[in-house]
N, C-alpha and C. Protein backbone atom coordinates (compact mmCIF):
# COMPACT_ATOMS: atom_id res chain seq x y z
N MET A 1 0.85 -1.18 0.00
CA MET A 1 0.00 0.00 0.00
C MET A 1 0.89 1.23 0.00
N SER A 2 0.63 2.15 -0.90
CA SER A 2 1.43 3.36 -1.01
C SER A 2 1.15 4.29 0.16
N GLN A 3 2.00 5.27 0.34
CA GLN A 3 1.84 6.26 1.40
C GLN A 3 0.52 7.02 1.24
N GLU A 4 0.19 7.37 0.00
CA GLU A 4 -1.06 8.08 -0.28
C GLU A 4 -2.28 7.22 0.06
N GLU A 5 -2.21 5.92 -0.28
CA GLU A 5 -3.32 5.00 0.04
C GLU A 5 -3.47 4.84 1.55
N LYS A 6 -2.34 4.79 2.27
CA LYS A 6 -2.39 4.69 3.73
C LYS A 6 -3.04 5.92 4.35
N LYS A 7 -2.73 7.10 3.82
CA LYS A 7 -3.33 8.33 4.31
C LYS A 7 -4.85 8.33 4.06
N GLN A 8 -5.25 7.90 2.86
CA GLN A 8 -6.67 7.85 2.53
C GLN A 8 -7.40 6.85 3.41
N ASP A 9 -6.77 5.68 3.66
CA ASP A 9 -7.37 4.67 4.51
C ASP A 9 -7.56 5.20 5.93
N ALA A 10 -6.55 5.89 6.46
CA ALA A 10 -6.64 6.48 7.79
C ALA A 10 -7.75 7.53 7.84
N LYS A 11 -7.87 8.33 6.78
CA LYS A 11 -8.92 9.35 6.70
C LYS A 11 -10.30 8.69 6.67
N ASP A 12 -10.44 7.60 5.88
CA ASP A 12 -11.71 6.88 5.80
C ASP A 12 -12.09 6.30 7.16
N GLN A 13 -11.11 5.73 7.88
CA GLN A 13 -11.39 5.17 9.20
C GLN A 13 -11.81 6.25 10.18
N LEU A 14 -11.17 7.41 10.10
CA LEU A 14 -11.52 8.53 10.97
C LEU A 14 -12.93 8.99 10.67
N ALA A 15 -13.28 9.10 9.39
CA ALA A 15 -14.63 9.52 9.02
C ALA A 15 -15.67 8.53 9.56
N PHE A 16 -15.39 7.24 9.45
CA PHE A 16 -16.29 6.20 9.94
C PHE A 16 -16.46 6.33 11.45
N ALA A 17 -15.34 6.50 12.17
CA ALA A 17 -15.37 6.63 13.62
C ALA A 17 -16.12 7.90 14.04
N THR A 18 -15.94 8.98 13.27
CA THR A 18 -16.64 10.23 13.58
C THR A 18 -18.14 10.06 13.42
N ILE A 19 -18.56 9.40 12.35
CA ILE A 19 -19.99 9.14 12.13
C ILE A 19 -20.55 8.34 13.30
N ALA A 20 -19.82 7.29 13.71
CA ALA A 20 -20.28 6.45 14.82
C ALA A 20 -20.35 7.26 16.12
N ALA A 21 -19.33 8.09 16.39
CA ALA A 21 -19.29 8.86 17.63
C ALA A 21 -20.38 9.93 17.68
N GLU A 22 -20.73 10.48 16.53
CA GLU A 22 -21.73 11.55 16.50
C GLU A 22 -23.16 11.03 16.29
N ALA A 23 -23.34 9.73 16.25
CA ALA A 23 -24.67 9.15 16.02
C ALA A 23 -25.66 9.69 17.05
N GLY A 24 -26.73 10.25 16.56
CA GLY A 24 -27.78 10.73 17.45
C GLY A 24 -27.51 12.05 18.12
N SER A 25 -26.39 12.69 17.79
CA SER A 25 -26.11 14.00 18.36
C SER A 25 -27.18 14.97 17.89
N ILE A 26 -27.97 15.48 18.81
CA ILE A 26 -29.11 16.32 18.43
C ILE A 26 -29.02 17.68 19.08
N LYS A 27 -29.68 18.61 18.48
CA LYS A 27 -29.72 19.98 19.00
C LYS A 27 -31.16 20.24 19.44
N ASP A 28 -31.46 19.97 20.71
CA ASP A 28 -32.83 20.12 21.19
C ASP A 28 -32.95 21.07 22.37
N GLY A 29 -31.92 21.85 22.63
CA GLY A 29 -31.97 22.75 23.78
C GLY A 29 -31.29 22.16 25.00
N ALA A 30 -31.38 20.84 25.17
CA ALA A 30 -30.72 20.18 26.30
C ALA A 30 -29.28 19.83 25.94
N ASN A 31 -28.95 19.84 24.64
CA ASN A 31 -27.61 19.57 24.12
C ASN A 31 -27.01 18.23 24.58
N PRO A 32 -27.73 17.14 24.40
CA PRO A 32 -27.13 15.84 24.78
C PRO A 32 -25.98 15.48 23.85
N VAL A 33 -25.00 14.79 24.38
CA VAL A 33 -23.86 14.35 23.59
C VAL A 33 -24.24 13.14 22.74
N SER A 34 -25.14 12.32 23.25
CA SER A 34 -25.60 11.16 22.49
C SER A 34 -27.12 11.10 22.53
N GLN A 35 -27.67 10.25 21.68
CA GLN A 35 -29.12 10.12 21.54
C GLN A 35 -29.75 9.69 22.87
N PRO A 36 -30.71 10.46 23.38
CA PRO A 36 -31.44 10.00 24.57
C PRO A 36 -32.26 8.75 24.23
N ILE A 37 -32.50 7.91 25.20
CA ILE A 37 -33.31 6.71 24.98
C ILE A 37 -34.78 7.08 25.25
N TYR A 38 -35.59 6.93 24.22
CA TYR A 38 -37.02 7.20 24.35
C TYR A 38 -37.74 5.88 24.59
N LEU A 39 -38.48 5.79 25.68
CA LEU A 39 -39.23 4.58 26.01
C LEU A 39 -40.70 4.71 25.65
N SER A 40 -41.09 5.82 25.05
CA SER A 40 -42.49 6.07 24.71
C SER A 40 -42.97 5.15 23.60
N ALA A 41 -44.22 4.71 23.72
CA ALA A 41 -44.85 3.93 22.66
C ALA A 41 -45.71 4.83 21.78
N CYS A 42 -46.27 5.89 22.37
CA CYS A 42 -47.15 6.80 21.63
C CYS A 42 -46.65 8.23 21.82
N TYR A 43 -46.94 9.08 20.83
CA TYR A 43 -46.48 10.46 20.86
C TYR A 43 -47.67 11.40 20.68
N ARG A 44 -47.66 12.49 21.43
CA ARG A 44 -48.76 13.45 21.45
C ARG A 44 -48.72 14.33 20.20
N HIS A 45 -49.92 14.69 19.72
CA HIS A 45 -50.08 15.63 18.61
C HIS A 45 -50.78 16.87 19.15
N PRO A 46 -50.35 18.05 18.73
CA PRO A 46 -50.95 19.28 19.25
C PRO A 46 -52.44 19.43 18.93
N SER A 47 -52.88 18.80 17.82
CA SER A 47 -54.29 18.95 17.45
C SER A 47 -54.78 17.68 16.75
N LEU A 48 -56.09 17.52 16.71
CA LEU A 48 -56.69 16.39 16.02
C LEU A 48 -56.37 16.46 14.53
N ASP A 49 -56.38 17.68 13.98
CA ASP A 49 -56.07 17.85 12.56
C ASP A 49 -54.67 17.34 12.23
N GLN A 50 -53.69 17.64 13.11
CA GLN A 50 -52.34 17.15 12.87
C GLN A 50 -52.28 15.63 12.98
N ALA A 51 -53.02 15.06 13.89
CA ALA A 51 -53.03 13.59 14.03
C ALA A 51 -53.64 12.93 12.80
N ILE A 52 -54.71 13.53 12.27
CA ILE A 52 -55.38 12.97 11.08
C ILE A 52 -54.48 13.09 9.85
N ASN A 53 -53.81 14.22 9.71
CA ASN A 53 -52.96 14.48 8.53
C ASN A 53 -51.49 14.28 8.85
N PHE A 54 -51.20 13.31 9.70
CA PHE A 54 -49.84 13.09 10.18
C PHE A 54 -48.87 12.70 9.06
N ASP A 55 -47.71 13.31 9.07
CA ASP A 55 -46.63 12.99 8.13
C ASP A 55 -45.50 12.35 8.94
N ARG A 56 -45.28 11.04 8.76
CA ARG A 56 -44.29 10.33 9.58
C ARG A 56 -42.86 10.82 9.34
N LEU A 57 -42.63 11.55 8.26
CA LEU A 57 -41.31 12.10 8.00
C LEU A 57 -41.03 13.34 8.85
N LYS A 58 -42.08 13.88 9.47
CA LYS A 58 -41.93 15.10 10.27
C LYS A 58 -42.10 14.87 11.76
N GLY A 59 -42.32 13.64 12.18
CA GLY A 59 -42.51 13.39 13.60
C GLY A 59 -42.81 11.93 13.88
N PHE A 60 -43.33 11.69 15.06
CA PHE A 60 -43.59 10.33 15.50
C PHE A 60 -45.03 10.21 15.98
N THR A 61 -45.60 9.04 15.82
CA THR A 61 -46.96 8.81 16.28
C THR A 61 -47.06 7.58 17.17
N TYR A 62 -46.46 6.47 16.73
CA TYR A 62 -46.53 5.20 17.46
C TYR A 62 -45.23 4.45 17.21
N SER A 63 -44.64 3.89 18.23
CA SER A 63 -43.29 3.33 18.13
C SER A 63 -43.15 2.17 17.14
N ARG A 64 -44.24 1.46 16.84
CA ARG A 64 -44.14 0.39 15.84
C ARG A 64 -44.04 0.94 14.43
N VAL A 65 -44.46 2.18 14.24
CA VAL A 65 -44.38 2.82 12.93
C VAL A 65 -43.02 3.49 12.77
N GLU A 66 -42.64 4.26 13.75
CA GLU A 66 -41.38 5.00 13.73
C GLU A 66 -41.05 5.40 15.16
N ALA A 67 -39.78 5.36 15.51
CA ALA A 67 -39.35 5.75 16.85
C ALA A 67 -38.03 6.51 16.74
N PRO A 68 -37.81 7.47 17.62
CA PRO A 68 -36.58 8.28 17.54
C PRO A 68 -35.29 7.45 17.58
N ASN A 69 -35.23 6.45 18.45
CA ASN A 69 -34.00 5.66 18.56
C ASN A 69 -33.74 4.83 17.31
N ARG A 70 -34.79 4.21 16.78
CA ARG A 70 -34.63 3.41 15.56
C ARG A 70 -34.27 4.31 14.38
N LYS A 71 -34.87 5.48 14.31
CA LYS A 71 -34.57 6.41 13.22
C LYS A 71 -33.09 6.80 13.23
N VAL A 72 -32.56 7.10 14.42
CA VAL A 72 -31.14 7.45 14.54
C VAL A 72 -30.26 6.27 14.12
N ALA A 73 -30.61 5.07 14.56
CA ALA A 73 -29.84 3.88 14.19
C ALA A 73 -29.83 3.68 12.68
N GLU A 74 -31.00 3.80 12.05
CA GLU A 74 -31.09 3.62 10.59
C GLU A 74 -30.31 4.69 9.85
N GLU A 75 -30.43 5.95 10.28
CA GLU A 75 -29.68 7.03 9.63
C GLU A 75 -28.17 6.84 9.78
N THR A 76 -27.74 6.40 10.96
CA THR A 76 -26.31 6.20 11.21
C THR A 76 -25.77 5.05 10.37
N ILE A 77 -26.49 3.94 10.30
CA ILE A 77 -26.05 2.80 9.49
C ILE A 77 -25.95 3.21 8.02
N ALA A 78 -26.93 3.96 7.54
CA ALA A 78 -26.89 4.41 6.14
C ALA A 78 -25.67 5.28 5.89
N LYS A 79 -25.35 6.20 6.80
CA LYS A 79 -24.17 7.05 6.66
C LYS A 79 -22.89 6.21 6.68
N MET A 80 -22.81 5.28 7.63
CA MET A 80 -21.60 4.47 7.79
C MET A 80 -21.35 3.59 6.56
N GLU A 81 -22.43 3.12 5.95
CA GLU A 81 -22.32 2.25 4.79
C GLU A 81 -22.35 3.03 3.47
N GLU A 82 -22.39 4.37 3.60
CA GLU A 82 -22.48 5.25 2.43
C GLU A 82 -23.67 4.89 1.56
N GLY A 83 -24.77 4.56 2.23
CA GLY A 83 -25.99 4.17 1.53
C GLY A 83 -27.02 5.27 1.56
N TYR A 84 -28.09 5.05 0.85
CA TYR A 84 -29.18 6.02 0.79
C TYR A 84 -30.09 5.88 2.00
N GLN A 85 -30.40 4.64 2.37
CA GLN A 85 -31.32 4.39 3.46
C GLN A 85 -31.03 3.03 4.07
N ALA A 86 -31.28 2.89 5.35
CA ALA A 86 -31.12 1.61 6.04
C ALA A 86 -32.41 1.33 6.81
N PHE A 87 -32.67 0.07 7.06
CA PHE A 87 -33.87 -0.34 7.80
C PHE A 87 -33.45 -1.22 8.96
N ALA A 88 -34.00 -0.94 10.13
CA ALA A 88 -33.78 -1.77 11.31
C ALA A 88 -35.09 -2.47 11.62
N VAL A 89 -35.06 -3.78 11.72
CA VAL A 89 -36.26 -4.55 12.02
C VAL A 89 -35.99 -5.45 13.22
N ALA A 90 -37.06 -5.94 13.83
CA ALA A 90 -36.94 -6.65 15.10
C ALA A 90 -36.69 -8.15 14.96
N SER A 91 -36.85 -8.71 13.78
CA SER A 91 -36.67 -10.16 13.64
C SER A 91 -36.32 -10.52 12.21
N GLY A 92 -35.88 -11.76 12.04
CA GLY A 92 -35.58 -12.26 10.71
C GLY A 92 -36.81 -12.29 9.83
N MET A 93 -37.96 -12.64 10.40
CA MET A 93 -39.18 -12.68 9.60
C MET A 93 -39.61 -11.28 9.18
N ALA A 94 -39.34 -10.30 10.02
CA ALA A 94 -39.63 -8.91 9.63
C ALA A 94 -38.74 -8.51 8.46
N ALA A 95 -37.49 -8.97 8.46
CA ALA A 95 -36.59 -8.68 7.34
C ALA A 95 -37.06 -9.38 6.07
N VAL A 96 -37.53 -10.62 6.19
CA VAL A 96 -38.07 -11.34 5.03
C VAL A 96 -39.28 -10.59 4.49
N GLN A 97 -40.17 -10.13 5.37
CA GLN A 97 -41.34 -9.37 4.93
C GLN A 97 -40.93 -8.09 4.23
N LEU A 98 -39.88 -7.45 4.72
CA LEU A 98 -39.37 -6.23 4.08
C LEU A 98 -38.92 -6.53 2.65
N VAL A 99 -38.21 -7.65 2.49
CA VAL A 99 -37.79 -8.07 1.15
C VAL A 99 -39.01 -8.30 0.28
N LEU A 100 -40.01 -8.99 0.81
CA LEU A 100 -41.22 -9.28 0.03
C LEU A 100 -41.96 -8.01 -0.37
N SER A 101 -41.86 -6.98 0.43
CA SER A 101 -42.59 -5.75 0.13
C SER A 101 -42.07 -5.04 -1.11
N VAL A 102 -40.84 -5.34 -1.52
CA VAL A 102 -40.28 -4.69 -2.71
C VAL A 102 -40.14 -5.63 -3.90
N LEU A 103 -40.41 -6.93 -3.69
CA LEU A 103 -40.30 -7.90 -4.77
C LEU A 103 -41.67 -8.40 -5.19
N LYS A 104 -41.72 -8.95 -6.40
CA LYS A 104 -42.97 -9.52 -6.89
C LYS A 104 -42.66 -10.87 -7.54
N SER A 105 -43.68 -11.63 -7.81
CA SER A 105 -43.51 -12.93 -8.46
C SER A 105 -42.73 -12.76 -9.76
N GLY A 106 -41.74 -13.63 -9.95
CA GLY A 106 -40.89 -13.56 -11.14
C GLY A 106 -39.59 -12.83 -10.91
N ASP A 107 -39.48 -12.10 -9.79
CA ASP A 107 -38.23 -11.40 -9.48
C ASP A 107 -37.17 -12.42 -9.05
N GLU A 108 -35.94 -11.97 -9.03
CA GLU A 108 -34.81 -12.84 -8.72
C GLU A 108 -33.92 -12.20 -7.67
N VAL A 109 -33.44 -13.01 -6.73
CA VAL A 109 -32.58 -12.56 -5.65
C VAL A 109 -31.29 -13.36 -5.69
N VAL A 110 -30.16 -12.68 -5.52
CA VAL A 110 -28.88 -13.36 -5.36
C VAL A 110 -28.61 -13.40 -3.86
N SER A 111 -28.36 -14.60 -3.32
CA SER A 111 -28.11 -14.73 -1.88
C SER A 111 -26.85 -15.54 -1.64
N LEU A 112 -26.29 -15.39 -0.45
CA LEU A 112 -25.16 -16.24 -0.07
C LEU A 112 -25.63 -17.69 -0.05
N ASP A 113 -24.72 -18.59 -0.34
CA ASP A 113 -25.10 -20.00 -0.42
C ASP A 113 -25.41 -20.62 0.94
N ASP A 114 -25.18 -19.88 2.03
CA ASP A 114 -25.54 -20.41 3.35
C ASP A 114 -26.81 -19.77 3.92
N LEU A 115 -27.60 -19.13 3.05
CA LEU A 115 -28.88 -18.58 3.48
C LEU A 115 -29.75 -19.70 4.03
N TYR A 116 -30.44 -19.43 5.11
CA TYR A 116 -31.33 -20.42 5.72
C TYR A 116 -32.28 -20.97 4.65
N GLY A 117 -32.27 -22.28 4.49
CA GLY A 117 -33.04 -22.94 3.43
C GLY A 117 -34.52 -22.67 3.46
N GLY A 118 -35.07 -22.50 4.66
CA GLY A 118 -36.50 -22.22 4.76
C GLY A 118 -36.89 -20.92 4.09
N ASP A 119 -35.99 -19.92 4.13
CA ASP A 119 -36.28 -18.63 3.50
C ASP A 119 -36.47 -18.79 2.00
N PHE A 120 -35.45 -19.34 1.33
CA PHE A 120 -35.57 -19.37 -0.13
C PHE A 120 -36.60 -20.40 -0.60
N ARG A 121 -36.79 -21.51 0.12
CA ARG A 121 -37.83 -22.47 -0.27
C ARG A 121 -39.21 -21.85 -0.16
N HIS A 122 -39.45 -21.12 0.95
CA HIS A 122 -40.75 -20.47 1.15
C HIS A 122 -41.00 -19.40 0.08
N LEU A 123 -40.00 -18.58 -0.18
CA LEU A 123 -40.18 -17.50 -1.16
C LEU A 123 -40.35 -18.04 -2.57
N GLU A 124 -39.62 -19.12 -2.91
CA GLU A 124 -39.77 -19.71 -4.24
C GLU A 124 -41.14 -20.36 -4.41
N SER A 125 -41.55 -21.16 -3.42
CA SER A 125 -42.79 -21.93 -3.58
C SER A 125 -44.05 -21.10 -3.40
N HIS A 126 -44.04 -20.11 -2.52
CA HIS A 126 -45.25 -19.35 -2.24
C HIS A 126 -45.35 -18.02 -2.99
N PHE A 127 -44.22 -17.49 -3.39
CA PHE A 127 -44.25 -16.15 -3.99
C PHE A 127 -43.64 -16.11 -5.39
N GLY A 128 -43.07 -17.22 -5.86
CA GLY A 128 -42.50 -17.25 -7.21
C GLY A 128 -41.25 -16.40 -7.36
N ILE A 129 -40.51 -16.20 -6.27
CA ILE A 129 -39.27 -15.43 -6.32
C ILE A 129 -38.12 -16.41 -6.46
N ALA A 130 -37.32 -16.24 -7.50
CA ALA A 130 -36.21 -17.17 -7.78
C ALA A 130 -34.95 -16.71 -7.05
N PHE A 131 -34.14 -17.70 -6.66
CA PHE A 131 -32.88 -17.41 -5.97
C PHE A 131 -31.70 -17.96 -6.75
N LYS A 132 -30.65 -17.16 -6.83
CA LYS A 132 -29.35 -17.62 -7.32
C LYS A 132 -28.43 -17.54 -6.12
N GLN A 133 -27.54 -18.51 -6.01
CA GLN A 133 -26.66 -18.52 -4.85
C GLN A 133 -25.25 -18.09 -5.22
N TRP A 134 -24.62 -17.38 -4.29
CA TRP A 134 -23.26 -16.88 -4.45
C TRP A 134 -22.46 -17.38 -3.26
N ASN A 135 -21.22 -17.81 -3.50
CA ASN A 135 -20.42 -18.39 -2.43
C ASN A 135 -19.72 -17.36 -1.54
N GLY A 136 -19.85 -16.10 -1.84
CA GLY A 136 -19.25 -15.06 -1.00
C GLY A 136 -17.78 -14.85 -1.21
N GLN A 137 -17.20 -15.47 -2.20
CA GLN A 137 -15.75 -15.39 -2.39
C GLN A 137 -15.31 -14.22 -3.27
N LYS A 138 -15.83 -14.15 -4.49
CA LYS A 138 -15.38 -13.13 -5.43
C LYS A 138 -16.51 -12.14 -5.73
N VAL A 139 -16.25 -10.87 -5.46
CA VAL A 139 -17.25 -9.84 -5.73
C VAL A 139 -17.58 -9.80 -7.22
N GLU A 140 -16.60 -10.10 -8.06
CA GLU A 140 -16.83 -10.11 -9.51
C GLU A 140 -17.92 -11.11 -9.88
N ASP A 141 -17.94 -12.27 -9.20
CA ASP A 141 -18.99 -13.26 -9.46
C ASP A 141 -20.36 -12.73 -9.06
N LEU A 142 -20.41 -12.03 -7.94
CA LEU A 142 -21.66 -11.44 -7.49
C LEU A 142 -22.15 -10.40 -8.50
N VAL A 143 -21.25 -9.54 -8.93
CA VAL A 143 -21.61 -8.49 -9.89
C VAL A 143 -22.13 -9.10 -11.18
N SER A 144 -21.49 -10.16 -11.66
CA SER A 144 -21.94 -10.78 -12.91
C SER A 144 -23.32 -11.43 -12.73
N GLU A 145 -23.57 -12.04 -11.56
CA GLU A 145 -24.89 -12.62 -11.29
C GLU A 145 -25.95 -11.52 -11.23
N PHE A 146 -25.61 -10.43 -10.59
CA PHE A 146 -26.57 -9.35 -10.40
C PHE A 146 -26.88 -8.63 -11.71
N LYS A 147 -25.89 -8.52 -12.58
CA LYS A 147 -26.08 -7.81 -13.85
C LYS A 147 -27.07 -8.52 -14.76
N ASN A 148 -27.21 -9.84 -14.61
CA ASN A 148 -28.11 -10.57 -15.51
C ASN A 148 -29.53 -10.03 -15.39
N ILE A 149 -30.25 -10.36 -14.34
CA ILE A 149 -31.61 -9.82 -14.18
C ILE A 149 -32.04 -9.71 -12.72
N SER A 150 -31.14 -9.88 -11.79
CA SER A 150 -31.50 -9.93 -10.38
C SER A 150 -32.05 -8.59 -9.88
N ASN A 151 -32.98 -8.68 -8.92
CA ASN A 151 -33.61 -7.51 -8.36
C ASN A 151 -33.08 -7.14 -6.98
N ALA A 152 -32.41 -8.07 -6.30
CA ALA A 152 -31.92 -7.79 -4.96
C ALA A 152 -30.78 -8.73 -4.61
N ILE A 153 -30.02 -8.33 -3.60
CA ILE A 153 -28.97 -9.17 -3.03
C ILE A 153 -29.33 -9.34 -1.56
N GLN A 154 -29.35 -10.58 -1.08
CA GLN A 154 -29.67 -10.85 0.32
C GLN A 154 -28.47 -11.53 0.95
N VAL A 155 -28.01 -10.96 2.07
CA VAL A 155 -26.82 -11.48 2.74
C VAL A 155 -27.14 -11.64 4.22
N ASN A 156 -26.90 -12.81 4.78
CA ASN A 156 -27.03 -13.01 6.23
C ASN A 156 -25.70 -12.66 6.87
N ILE A 157 -25.75 -11.77 7.85
CA ILE A 157 -24.54 -11.40 8.58
C ILE A 157 -24.82 -11.61 10.05
N ILE A 158 -24.17 -12.60 10.63
CA ILE A 158 -24.35 -12.94 12.05
C ILE A 158 -25.83 -12.98 12.42
N LYS A 159 -26.58 -13.77 11.69
CA LYS A 159 -28.00 -13.99 11.92
C LYS A 159 -28.86 -12.76 11.63
N HIS A 160 -28.29 -11.74 11.02
CA HIS A 160 -29.08 -10.56 10.67
C HIS A 160 -29.06 -10.45 9.15
N ILE A 161 -30.15 -10.02 8.56
CA ILE A 161 -30.25 -9.91 7.11
C ILE A 161 -29.98 -8.48 6.70
N LEU A 162 -29.12 -8.33 5.73
CA LEU A 162 -28.81 -7.03 5.15
C LEU A 162 -29.24 -7.08 3.70
N VAL A 163 -30.11 -6.21 3.28
CA VAL A 163 -30.56 -6.19 1.91
C VAL A 163 -29.97 -4.96 1.24
N LEU A 164 -29.28 -5.18 0.16
CA LEU A 164 -28.66 -4.07 -0.57
C LEU A 164 -29.43 -3.76 -1.81
């Protein structure tokens, strides 16, 4: 690795660490250094009209829909991964449902070859979603599989599903 590459690598690591350290840093008058933990399940609306015409992008209503802590986690993961958006879900089945919400019958998914067999068998037999398997070794192989006609990549990481 050249000296210039080492400098860039150090800069990238610093940027990653800074994003992680500043996760949830908010300006709310109390000036917390880190995200406060919100235990609320429901959130108050100033008026009935606001509750009826609620915009979840501008606030919170019920913790199963959106919650401050989950929102910060999703935003931080997206920044750290240099992605557009990240989703945090409570279970593997919730992640499978998330995948199903963006796919339709006839779509194709490239997954690691150690994906839990029940997932791809269920999705193939009940929803008509085809799976191609990738051994996780060469990114070039993944790219070539994805370029054909695949709609998503599904990767299990320490029992958690990451959909790219």
